Amino acid sequence: METTRQQKIARQIQKDVAEIFQKEGAPIIRGSLVTVTTVRMSPDLGYAKIYVSIFPFEHSPAVMQEIERNNRVIRHALGQRIRNQLKNVPEIQFFLDDSLEYIDHIDRALKEN
């Protein structure tokens, strides 16, 4: 169970990372639509797991690889935004949230029947 502080910091990081992708992430996301779906914070606020959804789904592996390659750049940009709220910028890890792809797959399967 996450504490209120973890939830607040997670929401702030979610908002800021989405803004980073929108404003500074054009070379990273390469024309794909990247949505930050969830952020999970460790109890000590030292680590953040960031779940992203990528559309179109076919570009997911390439975009995820590019996001991982630019992890330090993204973390630095995040640090510039949250430097007044947190003492240390958390280490960030990105994970693919494929729930939308799964929903689309189920929807197509239902339409076929």
PDB file of N, CA and C in Angstrom:
ATOM      1  N   MET A   1       0.839  -1.186   0.000  1.00  0.00           N
ATOM      2  CA  MET A   1       0.000   0.000   0.000  1.00  0.00           C
ATOM      3  C   MET A   1       0.883   1.247   0.000  1.00  0.00           C
ATOM      4  N   GLU A   2       0.666   2.106  -0.958  1.00  0.00           N
ATOM      5  CA  GLU A   2       1.454   3.319  -1.054  1.00  0.00           C
ATOM      6  C   GLU A   2       0.956   4.378  -0.080  1.00  0.00           C
ATOM      7  N   THR A   3       1.899   5.128   0.485  1.00  0.00           N
ATOM      8  CA  THR A   3       1.532   6.220   1.374  1.00  0.00           C
ATOM      9  C   THR A   3       1.023   7.396   0.542  1.00  0.00           C
ATOM     10  N   THR A   4       0.427   8.353   1.219  1.00  0.00           N
ATOM     11  CA  THR A   4      -0.083   9.540   0.541  1.00  0.00           C
ATOM     12  C   THR A   4       1.052  10.298  -0.137  1.00  0.00           C
ATOM     13  N   ARG A   5       2.183  10.370   0.532  1.00  0.00           N
ATOM     14  CA  ARG A   5       3.348  11.072  -0.053  1.00  0.00           C
ATOM     15  C   ARG A   5       3.825  10.363  -1.327  1.00  0.00           C
ATOM     16  N   GLN A   6       3.902   9.049  -1.284  1.00  0.00           N
ATOM     17  CA  GLN A   6       4.297   8.296  -2.484  1.00  0.00           C
ATOM     18  C   GLN A   6       3.336   8.568  -3.635  1.00  0.00           C
ATOM     19  N   GLN A   7       2.051   8.588  -3.333  1.00  0.00           N
ATOM     20  CA  GLN A   7       1.047   8.817  -4.369  1.00  0.00           C
ATOM     21  C   GLN A   7       1.173  10.221  -4.961  1.00  0.00           C
ATOM     22  N   LYS A   8       1.408  11.216  -4.113  1.00  0.00           N
ATOM     23  CA  LYS A   8       1.544  12.590  -4.591  1.00  0.00           C
ATOM     24  C   LYS A   8       2.781  12.753  -5.470  1.00  0.00           C
ATOM     25  N   ILE A   9       3.883  12.184  -5.017  1.00  0.00           N
ATOM     26  CA  ILE A   9       5.114  12.260  -5.805  1.00  0.00           C
ATOM     27  C   ILE A   9       4.943  11.501  -7.119  1.00  0.00           C
ATOM     28  N   ALA A  10       4.286  10.348  -7.077  1.00  0.00           N
ATOM     29  CA  ALA A  10       4.053   9.553  -8.292  1.00  0.00           C
ATOM     30  C   ALA A  10       3.212  10.342  -9.296  1.00  0.00           C
ATOM     31  N   ARG A  11       2.171  11.008  -8.825  1.00  0.00           N
ATOM     32  CA  ARG A  11       1.335  11.818  -9.723  1.00  0.00           C
ATOM     33  C   ARG A  11       2.139  12.962 -10.348  1.00  0.00           C
ATOM     34  N   GLN A  12       2.991  13.598  -9.535  1.00  0.00           N
ATOM     35  CA  GLN A  12       3.805  14.693 -10.040  1.00  0.00           C
ATOM     36  C   GLN A  12       4.797  14.198 -11.087  1.00  0.00           C
ATOM     37  N   ILE A  13       5.431  13.063 -10.815  1.00  0.00           N
ATOM     38  CA  ILE A  13       6.381  12.498 -11.778  1.00  0.00           C
ATOM     39  C   ILE A  13       5.659  12.086 -13.056  1.00  0.00           C
ATOM     40  N   GLN A  14       4.467  11.513 -12.929  1.00  0.00           N
ATOM     41  CA  GLN A  14       3.686  11.123 -14.098  1.00  0.00           C
ATOM     42  C   GLN A  14       3.406  12.344 -14.972  1.00  0.00           C
ATOM     43  N   LYS A  15       2.985  13.420 -14.350  1.00  0.00           N
ATOM     44  CA  LYS A  15       2.677  14.651 -15.079  1.00  0.00           C
ATOM     45  C   LYS A  15       3.932  15.214 -15.743  1.00  0.00           C
ATOM     46  N   ASP A  16       5.038  15.244 -15.003  1.00  0.00           N
ATOM     47  CA  ASP A  16       6.268  15.829 -15.526  1.00  0.00           C
ATOM     48  C   ASP A  16       6.882  14.995 -16.651  1.00  0.00           C
ATOM     49  N   VAL A  17       6.889  13.686 -16.513  1.00  0.00           N
ATOM     50  CA  VAL A  17       7.453  12.837 -17.568  1.00  0.00           C
ATOM     51  C   VAL A  17       6.601  12.933 -18.833  1.00  0.00           C
ATOM     52  N   ALA A  18       5.284  12.995 -18.669  1.00  0.00           N
ATOM     53  CA  ALA A  18       4.411  13.168 -19.833  1.00  0.00           C
ATOM     54  C   ALA A  18       4.723  14.488 -20.536  1.00  0.00           C
ATOM     55  N   GLU A  19       4.961  15.523 -19.766  1.00  0.00           N
ATOM     56  CA  GLU A  19       5.302  16.826 -20.325  1.00  0.00           C
ATOM     57  C   GLU A  19       6.669  16.782 -21.032  1.00  0.00           C
ATOM     58  N   ILE A  20       7.613  16.042 -20.453  1.00  0.00           N
ATOM     59  CA  ILE A  20       8.928  15.890 -21.077  1.00  0.00           C
ATOM     60  C   ILE A  20       8.785  15.204 -22.436  1.00  0.00           C
ATOM     61  N   PHE A  21       8.003  14.133 -22.490  1.00  0.00           N
ATOM     62  CA  PHE A  21       7.793  13.441 -23.766  1.00  0.00           C
ATOM     63  C   PHE A  21       7.118  14.367 -24.774  1.00  0.00           C
ATOM     64  N   GLN A  22       6.181  15.161 -24.297  1.00  0.00           N
ATOM     65  CA  GLN A  22       5.422  16.032 -25.196  1.00  0.00           C
ATOM     66  C   GLN A  22       6.277  17.170 -25.744  1.00  0.00           C
ATOM     67  N   LYS A  23       7.065  17.807 -24.872  1.00  0.00           N
ATOM     68  CA  LYS A  23       7.787  19.008 -25.289  1.00  0.00           C
ATOM     69  C   LYS A  23       9.205  18.745 -25.777  1.00  0.00           C
ATOM     70  N   GLU A  24       9.902  17.807 -25.150  1.00  0.00           N
ATOM     71  CA  GLU A  24      11.310  17.606 -25.473  1.00  0.00           C
ATOM     72  C   GLU A  24      11.600  16.238 -26.070  1.00  0.00           C
ATOM     73  N   GLY A  25      10.586  15.391 -26.163  1.00  0.00           N
ATOM     74  CA  GLY A  25      10.827  14.006 -26.519  1.00  0.00           C
ATOM     75  C   GLY A  25      10.637  13.635 -27.966  1.00  0.00           C
ATOM     76  N   ALA A  26      10.500  14.595 -28.853  1.00  0.00           N
ATOM     77  CA  ALA A  26      10.262  14.264 -30.263  1.00  0.00           C
ATOM     78  C   ALA A  26      11.331  13.338 -30.848  1.00  0.00           C
ATOM     79  N   PRO A  27      12.625  13.576 -30.609  1.00  0.00           N
ATOM     80  CA  PRO A  27      13.616  12.649 -31.166  1.00  0.00           C
ATOM     81  C   PRO A  27      13.591  11.272 -30.496  1.00  0.00           C
ATOM     82  N   ILE A  28      13.086  11.209 -29.285  1.00  0.00           N
ATOM     83  CA  ILE A  28      13.052   9.941 -28.551  1.00  0.00           C
ATOM     84  C   ILE A  28      11.871   9.090 -29.009  1.00  0.00           C
ATOM     85  N   ILE A  29      10.689   9.692 -29.107  1.00  0.00           N
ATOM     86  CA  ILE A  29       9.492   8.900 -29.391  1.00  0.00           C
ATOM     87  C   ILE A  29       9.211   8.739 -30.876  1.00  0.00           C
ATOM     88  N   ARG A  30       9.876   9.522 -31.720  1.00  0.00           N
ATOM     89  CA  ARG A  30       9.838   9.348 -33.173  1.00  0.00           C
ATOM     90  C   ARG A  30       8.435   9.255 -33.768  1.00  0.00           C
ATOM     91  N   GLY A  31       7.588  10.191 -33.441  1.00  0.00           N
ATOM     92  CA  GLY A  31       6.277  10.239 -34.060  1.00  0.00           C
ATOM     93  C   GLY A  31       5.232   9.307 -33.477  1.00  0.00           C
ATOM     94  N   SER A  32       5.583   8.542 -32.473  1.00  0.00           N
ATOM     95  CA  SER A  32       4.612   7.663 -31.822  1.00  0.00           C
ATOM     96  C   SER A  32       3.895   8.440 -30.726  1.00  0.00           C
ATOM     97  N   LEU A  33       2.764   7.924 -30.324  1.00  0.00           N
ATOM     98  CA  LEU A  33       2.022   8.506 -29.221  1.00  0.00           C
ATOM     99  C   LEU A  33       2.409   7.747 -27.954  1.00  0.00           C
ATOM    100  N   VAL A  34       3.066   8.429 -27.029  1.00  0.00           N
ATOM    101  CA  VAL A  34       3.511   7.808 -25.782  1.00  0.00           C
ATOM    102  C   VAL A  34       2.711   8.411 -24.642  1.00  0.00           C
ATOM    103  N   THR A  35       2.064   7.537 -23.862  1.00  0.00           N
ATOM    104  CA  THR A  35       1.263   7.959 -22.730  1.00  0.00           C
ATOM    105  C   THR A  35       1.850   7.359 -21.459  1.00  0.00           C
ATOM    106  N   VAL A  36       2.064   8.193 -20.461  1.00  0.00           N
ATOM    107  CA  VAL A  36       2.525   7.701 -19.161  1.00  0.00           C
ATOM    108  C   VAL A  36       1.278   7.263 -18.401  1.00  0.00           C
ATOM    109  N   THR A  37       1.117   5.946 -18.231  1.00  0.00           N
ATOM    110  CA  THR A  37      -0.117   5.429 -17.637  1.00  0.00           C
ATOM    111  C   THR A  37      -0.062   5.364 -16.118  1.00  0.00           C
ATOM    112  N   THR A  38       1.073   4.953 -15.562  1.00  0.00           N
ATOM    113  CA  THR A  38       1.186   4.780 -14.118  1.00  0.00           C
ATOM    114  C   THR A  38       2.616   5.029 -13.679  1.00  0.00           C
ATOM    115  N   VAL A  39       2.773   5.517 -12.463  1.00  0.00           N
ATOM    116  CA  VAL A  39       4.091   5.620 -11.834  1.00  0.00           C
ATOM    117  C   VAL A  39       3.979   5.000 -10.455  1.00  0.00           C
ATOM    118  N   ARG A  40       4.903   4.115 -10.130  1.00  0.00           N
ATOM    119  CA  ARG A  40       4.968   3.476  -8.812  1.00  0.00           C
ATOM    120  C   ARG A  40       6.265   3.899  -8.144  1.00  0.00           C
ATOM    121  N   MET A  41       6.167   4.414  -6.935  1.00  0.00           N
ATOM    122  CA  MET A  41       7.323   4.881  -6.179  1.00  0.00           C
ATOM    123  C   MET A  41       7.711   3.873  -5.109  1.00  0.00           C
ATOM    124  N   SER A  42       9.008   3.735  -4.873  1.00  0.00           N
ATOM    125  CA  SER A  42       9.465   2.903  -3.760  1.00  0.00           C
ATOM    126  C   SER A  42       9.190   3.655  -2.456  1.00  0.00           C
ATOM    127  N   PRO A  43       9.128   2.942  -1.330  1.00  0.00           N
ATOM    128  CA  PRO A  43       8.833   3.608  -0.055  1.00  0.00           C
ATOM    129  C   PRO A  43       9.814   4.728   0.315  1.00  0.00           C
ATOM    130  N   ASP A  44      11.084   4.587  -0.102  1.00  0.00           N
ATOM    131  CA  ASP A  44      12.068   5.630   0.216  1.00  0.00           C
ATOM    132  C   ASP A  44      12.148   6.723  -0.847  1.00  0.00           C
ATOM    133  N   LEU A  45      11.277   6.657  -1.842  1.00  0.00           N
ATOM    134  CA  LEU A  45      11.196   7.613  -2.953  1.00  0.00           C
ATOM    135  C   LEU A  45      12.476   7.645  -3.784  1.00  0.00           C
ATOM    136  N   GLY A  46      13.267   6.582  -3.716  1.00  0.00           N
ATOM    137  CA  GLY A  46      14.517   6.524  -4.451  1.00  0.00           C
ATOM    138  C   GLY A  46      14.383   5.916  -5.834  1.00  0.00           C
ATOM    139  N   TYR A  47      13.302   5.182  -6.070  1.00  0.00           N
ATOM    140  CA  TYR A  47      13.096   4.523  -7.358  1.00  0.00           C
ATOM    141  C   TYR A  47      11.678   4.772  -7.845  1.00  0.00           C
ATOM    142  N   ALA A  48      11.558   4.985  -9.145  1.00  0.00           N
ATOM    143  CA  ALA A  48      10.244   5.171  -9.761  1.00  0.00           C
ATOM    144  C   ALA A  48      10.129   4.217 -10.939  1.00  0.00           C
ATOM    145  N   LYS A  49       9.071   3.425 -10.943  1.00  0.00           N
ATOM    146  CA  LYS A  49       8.757   2.569 -12.082  1.00  0.00           C
ATOM    147  C   LYS A  49       7.714   3.321 -12.899  1.00  0.00           C
ATOM    148  N   ILE A  50       8.063   3.622 -14.142  1.00  0.00           N
ATOM    149  CA  ILE A  50       7.192   4.407 -15.000  1.00  0.00           C
ATOM    150  C   ILE A  50       6.664   3.495 -16.100  1.00  0.00           C
ATOM    151  N   TYR A  51       5.346   3.357 -16.158  1.00  0.00           N
ATOM    152  CA  TYR A  51       4.701   2.520 -17.158  1.00  0.00           C
ATOM    153  C   TYR A  51       4.194   3.401 -18.284  1.00  0.00           C
ATOM    154  N   VAL A  52       4.586   3.056 -19.515  1.00  0.00           N
ATOM    155  CA  VAL A  52       4.186   3.843 -20.677  1.00  0.00           C
ATOM    156  C   VAL A  52       3.440   2.972 -21.675  1.00  0.00           C
ATOM    157  N   SER A  53       2.473   3.585 -22.325  1.00  0.00           N
ATOM    158  CA  SER A  53       1.721   2.935 -23.393  1.00  0.00           C
ATOM    159  C   SER A  53       2.120   3.618 -24.698  1.00  0.00           C
ATOM    160  N   ILE A  54       2.378   2.822 -25.731  1.00  0.00           N
ATOM    161  CA  ILE A  54       2.874   3.362 -26.994  1.00  0.00           C
ATOM    162  C   ILE A  54       1.912   2.974 -28.118  1.00  0.00           C
ATOM    163  N   PHE A  55       1.559   3.972 -28.935  1.00  0.00           N
ATOM    164  CA  PHE A  55       0.703   3.730 -30.086  1.00  0.00           C
ATOM    165  C   PHE A  55       1.376   4.335 -31.303  1.00  0.00           C
ATOM    166  N   PRO A  56       1.499   3.685 -32.400  1.00  0.00           N
ATOM    167  CA  PRO A  56       1.013   2.354 -32.737  1.00  0.00           C
ATOM    168  C   PRO A  56       1.851   1.267 -32.058  1.00  0.00           C
ATOM    169  N   PHE A  57       1.189   0.161 -31.782  1.00  0.00           N
ATOM    170  CA  PHE A  57       1.784  -0.920 -31.006  1.00  0.00           C
ATOM    171  C   PHE A  57       3.019  -1.509 -31.677  1.00  0.00           C
ATOM    172  N   GLU A  58       3.055  -1.478 -33.001  1.00  0.00           N
ATOM    173  CA  GLU A  58       4.166  -2.075 -33.738  1.00  0.00           C
ATOM    174  C   GLU A  58       5.492  -1.369 -33.454  1.00  0.00           C
ATOM    175  N   HIS A  59       5.427  -0.097 -33.069  1.00  0.00           N
ATOM    176  CA  HIS A  59       6.640   0.680 -32.804  1.00  0.00           C
ATOM    177  C   HIS A  59       7.122   0.536 -31.369  1.00  0.00           C
ATOM    178  N   SER A  60       6.415  -0.200 -30.547  1.00  0.00           N
ATOM    179  CA  SER A  60       6.729  -0.297 -29.118  1.00  0.00           C
ATOM    180  C   SER A  60       8.166  -0.720 -28.825  1.00  0.00           C
ATOM    181  N   PRO A  61       8.678  -1.808 -29.421  1.00  0.00           N
ATOM    182  CA  PRO A  61      10.051  -2.219 -29.079  1.00  0.00           C
ATOM    183  C   PRO A  61      11.095  -1.150 -29.415  1.00  0.00           C
ATOM    184  N   ALA A  62      10.976  -0.523 -30.578  1.00  0.00           N
ATOM    185  CA  ALA A  62      11.948   0.494 -30.978  1.00  0.00           C
ATOM    186  C   ALA A  62      11.871   1.718 -30.083  1.00  0.00           C
ATOM    187  N   VAL A  63      10.661   2.154 -29.757  1.00  0.00           N
ATOM    188  CA  VAL A  63      10.491   3.335 -28.916  1.00  0.00           C
ATOM    189  C   VAL A  63      10.971   3.050 -27.488  1.00  0.00           C
ATOM    190  N   MET A  64      10.668   1.862 -26.971  1.00  0.00           N
ATOM    191  CA  MET A  64      11.139   1.506 -25.623  1.00  0.00           C
ATOM    192  C   MET A  64      12.668   1.476 -25.573  1.00  0.00           C
ATOM    193  N   GLN A  65      13.291   0.966 -26.616  1.00  0.00           N
ATOM    194  CA  GLN A  65      14.746   0.930 -26.673  1.00  0.00           C
ATOM    195  C   GLN A  65      15.304   2.354 -26.681  1.00  0.00           C
ATOM    196  N   GLU A  66      14.673   3.234 -27.416  1.00  0.00           N
ATOM    197  CA  GLU A  66      15.120   4.625 -27.480  1.00  0.00           C
ATOM    198  C   GLU A  66      14.898   5.331 -26.138  1.00  0.00           C
ATOM    199  N   ILE A  67      13.804   5.040 -25.469  1.00  0.00           N
ATOM    200  CA  ILE A  67      13.538   5.632 -24.154  1.00  0.00           C
ATOM    201  C   ILE A  67      14.608   5.174 -23.160  1.00  0.00           C
ATOM    202  N   GLU A  68      14.930   3.886 -23.170  1.00  0.00           N
ATOM    203  CA  GLU A  68      15.965   3.366 -22.270  1.00  0.00           C
ATOM    204  C   GLU A  68      17.323   3.983 -22.584  1.00  0.00           C
ATOM    205  N   ARG A  69      17.618   4.169 -23.864  1.00  0.00           N
ATOM    206  CA  ARG A  69      18.885   4.772 -24.254  1.00  0.00           C
ATOM    207  C   ARG A  69      18.983   6.208 -23.748  1.00  0.00           C
ATOM    208  N   ASN A  70      17.854   6.900 -23.668  1.00  0.00           N
ATOM    209  CA  ASN A  70      17.829   8.302 -23.232  1.00  0.00           C
ATOM    210  C   ASN A  70      17.361   8.459 -21.783  1.00  0.00           C
ATOM    211  N   ASN A  71      17.476   7.398 -20.994  1.00  0.00           N
ATOM    212  CA  ASN A  71      17.028   7.420 -19.600  1.00  0.00           C
ATOM    213  C   ASN A  71      17.683   8.558 -18.823  1.00  0.00           C
ATOM    214  N   ARG A  72      18.974   8.755 -18.997  1.00  0.00           N
ATOM    215  CA  ARG A  72      19.686   9.803 -18.246  1.00  0.00           C
ATOM    216  C   ARG A  72      19.200  11.195 -18.630  1.00  0.00           C
ATOM    217  N   VAL A  73      18.924  11.394 -19.907  1.00  0.00           N
ATOM    218  CA  VAL A  73      18.431  12.694 -20.370  1.00  0.00           C
ATOM    219  C   VAL A  73      17.052  12.976 -19.774  1.00  0.00           C
ATOM    220  N   ILE A  74      16.198  11.963 -19.788  1.00  0.00           N
ATOM    221  CA  ILE A  74      14.851  12.110 -19.233  1.00  0.00           C
ATOM    222  C   ILE A  74      14.930  12.372 -17.731  1.00  0.00           C
ATOM    223  N   ARG A  75      15.796  11.623 -17.045  1.00  0.00           N
ATOM    224  CA  ARG A  75      15.947  11.798 -15.591  1.00  0.00           C
ATOM    225  C   ARG A  75      16.469  13.198 -15.265  1.00  0.00           C
ATOM    226  N   HIS A  76      17.398  13.713 -16.067  1.00  0.00           N
ATOM    227  CA  HIS A  76      17.910  15.063 -15.852  1.00  0.00           C
ATOM    228  C   HIS A  76      16.801  16.098 -16.034  1.00  0.00           C
ATOM    229  N   ALA A  77      16.005  15.935 -17.094  1.00  0.00           N
ATOM    230  CA  ALA A  77      14.888  16.860 -17.327  1.00  0.00           C
ATOM    231  C   ALA A  77      13.873  16.772 -16.192  1.00  0.00           C
ATOM    232  N   LEU A  78      13.644  15.555 -15.689  1.00  0.00           N
ATOM    233  CA  LEU A  78      12.739  15.389 -14.546  1.00  0.00           C
ATOM    234  C   LEU A  78      13.307  16.084 -13.319  1.00  0.00           C
ATOM    235  N   GLY A  79      14.609  15.944 -13.103  1.00  0.00           N
ATOM    236  CA  GLY A  79      15.259  16.591 -11.960  1.00  0.00           C
ATOM    237  C   GLY A  79      15.119  18.094 -11.992  1.00  0.00           C
ATOM    238  N   GLN A  80      15.174  18.686 -13.187  1.00  0.00           N
ATOM    239  CA  GLN A  80      14.997  20.126 -13.317  1.00  0.00           C
ATOM    240  C   GLN A  80      13.596  20.560 -12.893  1.00  0.00           C
ATOM    241  N   ARG A  81      12.616  19.682 -13.101  1.00  0.00           N
ATOM    242  CA  ARG A  81      11.232  20.021 -12.772  1.00  0.00           C
ATOM    243  C   ARG A  81      10.885  19.786 -11.298  1.00  0.00           C
ATOM    244  N   ILE A  82      11.462  18.757 -10.690  1.00  0.00           N
ATOM    245  CA  ILE A  82      11.060  18.407  -9.319  1.00  0.00           C
ATOM    246  C   ILE A  82      12.112  18.758  -8.271  1.00  0.00           C
ATOM    247  N   ARG A  83      13.101  19.557  -8.656  1.00  0.00           N
ATOM    248  CA  ARG A  83      14.194  19.846  -7.721  1.00  0.00           C
ATOM    249  C   ARG A  83      13.743  20.554  -6.454  1.00  0.00           C
ATOM    250  N   ASN A  84      12.623  21.257  -6.502  1.00  0.00           N
ATOM    251  CA  ASN A  84      12.134  21.941  -5.307  1.00  0.00           C
ATOM    252  C   ASN A  84      11.273  21.048  -4.420  1.00  0.00           C
ATOM    253  N   GLN A  85      10.791  19.922  -4.946  1.00  0.00           N
ATOM    254  CA  GLN A  85       9.929  19.040  -4.166  1.00  0.00           C
ATOM    255  C   GLN A  85      10.695  17.900  -3.504  1.00  0.00           C
ATOM    256  N   LEU A  86      11.752  17.418  -4.158  1.00  0.00           N
ATOM    257  CA  LEU A  86      12.482  16.265  -3.648  1.00  0.00           C
ATOM    258  C   LEU A  86      13.951  16.594  -3.446  1.00  0.00           C
ATOM    259  N   LYS A  87      14.529  15.977  -2.428  1.00  0.00           N
ATOM    260  CA  LYS A  87      15.949  16.163  -2.163  1.00  0.00           C
ATOM    261  C   LYS A  87      16.785  15.471  -3.234  1.00  0.00           C
ATOM    262  N   ASN A  88      16.420  14.233  -3.571  1.00  0.00           N
ATOM    263  CA  ASN A  88      17.130  13.453  -4.583  1.00  0.00           C
ATOM    264  C   ASN A  88      16.168  13.071  -5.702  1.00  0.00           C
ATOM    265  N   VAL A  89      16.672  13.099  -6.911  1.00  0.00           N
ATOM    266  CA  VAL A  89      15.872  12.671  -8.063  1.00  0.00           C
ATOM    267  C   VAL A  89      15.883  11.145  -8.068  1.00  0.00           C
ATOM    268  N   PRO A  90      14.720  10.518  -8.114  1.00  0.00           N
ATOM    269  CA  PRO A  90      14.693   9.048  -8.079  1.00  0.00           C
ATOM    270  C   PRO A  90      15.284   8.423  -9.344  1.00  0.00           C
ATOM    271  N   GLU A  91      15.832   7.232  -9.181  1.00  0.00           N
ATOM    272  CA  GLU A  91      16.241   6.430 -10.331  1.00  0.00           C
ATOM    273  C   GLU A  91      14.950   6.025 -11.040  1.00  0.00           C
ATOM    274  N   ILE A  92      14.949   6.071 -12.358  1.00  0.00           N
ATOM    275  CA  ILE A  92      13.723   5.736 -13.078  1.00  0.00           C
ATOM    276  C   ILE A  92      13.944   4.532 -13.984  1.00  0.00           C
ATOM    277  N   GLN A  93      12.916   3.710 -14.067  1.00  0.00           N
ATOM    278  CA  GLN A  93      12.885   2.569 -14.959  1.00  0.00           C
ATOM    279  C   GLN A  93      11.590   2.659 -15.754  1.00  0.00           C
ATOM    280  N   PHE A  94      11.675   2.345 -17.031  1.00  0.00           N
ATOM    281  CA  PHE A  94      10.499   2.386 -17.885  1.00  0.00           C
ATOM    282  C   PHE A  94      10.044   0.969 -18.205  1.00  0.00           C
ATOM    283  N   PHE A  95       8.727   0.783 -18.159  1.00  0.00           N
ATOM    284  CA  PHE A  95       8.118  -0.502 -18.479  1.00  0.00           C
ATOM    285  C   PHE A  95       6.998  -0.264 -19.478  1.00  0.00           C
ATOM    286  N   LEU A  96       6.828  -1.209 -20.387  1.00  0.00           N
ATOM    287  CA  LEU A  96       5.769  -1.106 -21.382  1.00  0.00           C
ATOM    288  C   LEU A  96       4.453  -1.559 -20.778  1.00  0.00           C
ATOM    289  N   ASP A  97       3.450  -0.703 -20.845  1.00  0.00           N
ATOM    290  CA  ASP A  97       2.101  -1.043 -20.399  1.00  0.00           C
ATOM    291  C   ASP A  97       1.320  -1.436 -21.654  1.00  0.00           C
ATOM    292  N   ASP A  98       1.143  -2.726 -21.842  1.00  0.00           N
ATOM    293  CA  ASP A  98       0.483  -3.200 -23.057  1.00  0.00           C
ATOM    294  C   ASP A  98      -0.995  -3.494 -22.839  1.00  0.00           C
ATOM    295  N   SER A  99      -1.600  -2.902 -21.843  1.00  0.00           N
ATOM    296  CA  SER A  99      -3.010  -3.163 -21.567  1.00  0.00           C
ATOM    297  C   SER A  99      -3.912  -2.668 -22.701  1.00  0.00           C
ATOM    298  N   LEU A 100      -3.566  -1.545 -23.323  1.00  0.00           N
ATOM    299  CA  LEU A 100      -4.375  -1.049 -24.438  1.00  0.00           C
ATOM    300  C   LEU A 100      -4.279  -1.986 -25.636  1.00  0.00           C
ATOM    301  N   GLU A 101      -3.101  -2.537 -25.863  1.00  0.00           N
ATOM    302  CA  GLU A 101      -2.934  -3.503 -26.950  1.00  0.00           C
ATOM    303  C   GLU A 101      -3.766  -4.757 -26.664  1.00  0.00           C
ATOM    304  N   TYR A 102      -3.780  -5.183 -25.420  1.00  0.00           N
ATOM    305  CA  TYR A 102      -4.558  -6.353 -25.024  1.00  0.00           C
ATOM    306  C   TYR A 102      -6.053  -6.087 -25.214  1.00  0.00           C
ATOM    307  N   ILE A 103      -6.505  -4.914 -24.832  1.00  0.00           N
ATOM    308  CA  ILE A 103      -7.911  -4.537 -24.997  1.00  0.00           C
ATOM    309  C   ILE A 103      -8.271  -4.526 -26.483  1.00  0.00           C
ATOM    310  N   ASP A 104      -7.392  -3.972 -27.311  1.00  0.00           N
ATOM    311  CA  ASP A 104      -7.626  -3.938 -28.750  1.00  0.00           C
ATOM    312  C   ASP A 104      -7.706  -5.349 -29.325  1.00  0.00           C
ATOM    313  N   HIS A 105      -6.826  -6.225 -28.859  1.00  0.00           N
ATOM    314  CA  HIS A 105      -6.825  -7.623 -29.318  1.00  0.00           C
ATOM    315  C   HIS A 105      -8.144  -8.315 -28.947  1.00  0.00           C
ATOM    316  N   ILE A 106      -8.604  -8.130 -27.731  1.00  0.00           N
ATOM    317  CA  ILE A 106      -9.866  -8.722 -27.275  1.00  0.00           C
ATOM    318  C   ILE A 106     -11.032  -8.160 -28.081  1.00  0.00           C
ATOM    319  N   ASP A 107     -10.996  -6.854 -28.308  1.00  0.00           N
ATOM    320  CA  ASP A 107     -12.081  -6.209 -29.065  1.00  0.00           C
ATOM    321  C   ASP A 107     -12.160  -6.764 -30.494  1.00  0.00           C
ATOM    322  N   ARG A 108     -11.013  -6.936 -31.139  1.00  0.00           N
ATOM    323  CA  ARG A 108     -11.013  -7.504 -32.496  1.00  0.00           C
ATOM    324  C   ARG A 108     -11.491  -8.947 -32.488  1.00  0.00           C
ATOM    325  N   ALA A 109     -11.107  -9.704 -31.463  1.00  0.00           N
ATOM    326  CA  ALA A 109     -11.536 -11.103 -31.369  1.00  0.00           C
ATOM    327  C   ALA A 109     -13.053 -11.195 -31.199  1.00  0.00           C
ATOM    328  N   LEU A 110     -13.628 -10.297 -30.421  1.00  0.00           N
ATOM    329  CA  LEU A 110     -15.072 -10.294 -30.209  1.00  0.00           C
ATOM    330  C   LEU A 110     -15.830  -9.891 -31.477  1.00  0.00           C
ATOM    331  N   LYS A 111     -15.259  -8.968 -32.229  1.00  0.00           N
ATOM    332  CA  LYS A 111     -15.920  -8.531 -33.459  1.00  0.00           C
ATOM    333  C   LYS A 111     -15.914  -9.594 -34.548  1.00  0.00           C
ATOM    334  N   GLU A 112     -14.909 -10.470 -34.516  1.00  0.00           N
ATOM    335  CA  GLU A 112     -14.817 -11.531 -35.505  1.00  0.00           C
ATOM    336  C   GLU A 112     -15.938 -12.580 -35.308  1.00  0.00           C
ATOM    337  N   ASN A 113     -16.399 -12.754 -34.097  1.00  0.00           N
ATOM    338  CA  ASN A 113     -17.433 -13.769 -33.805  1.00  0.00           C
ATOM    339  C   ASN A 113     -18.814 -13.252 -33.982  1.00  0.00           C
TER     340      ASN A 113
END
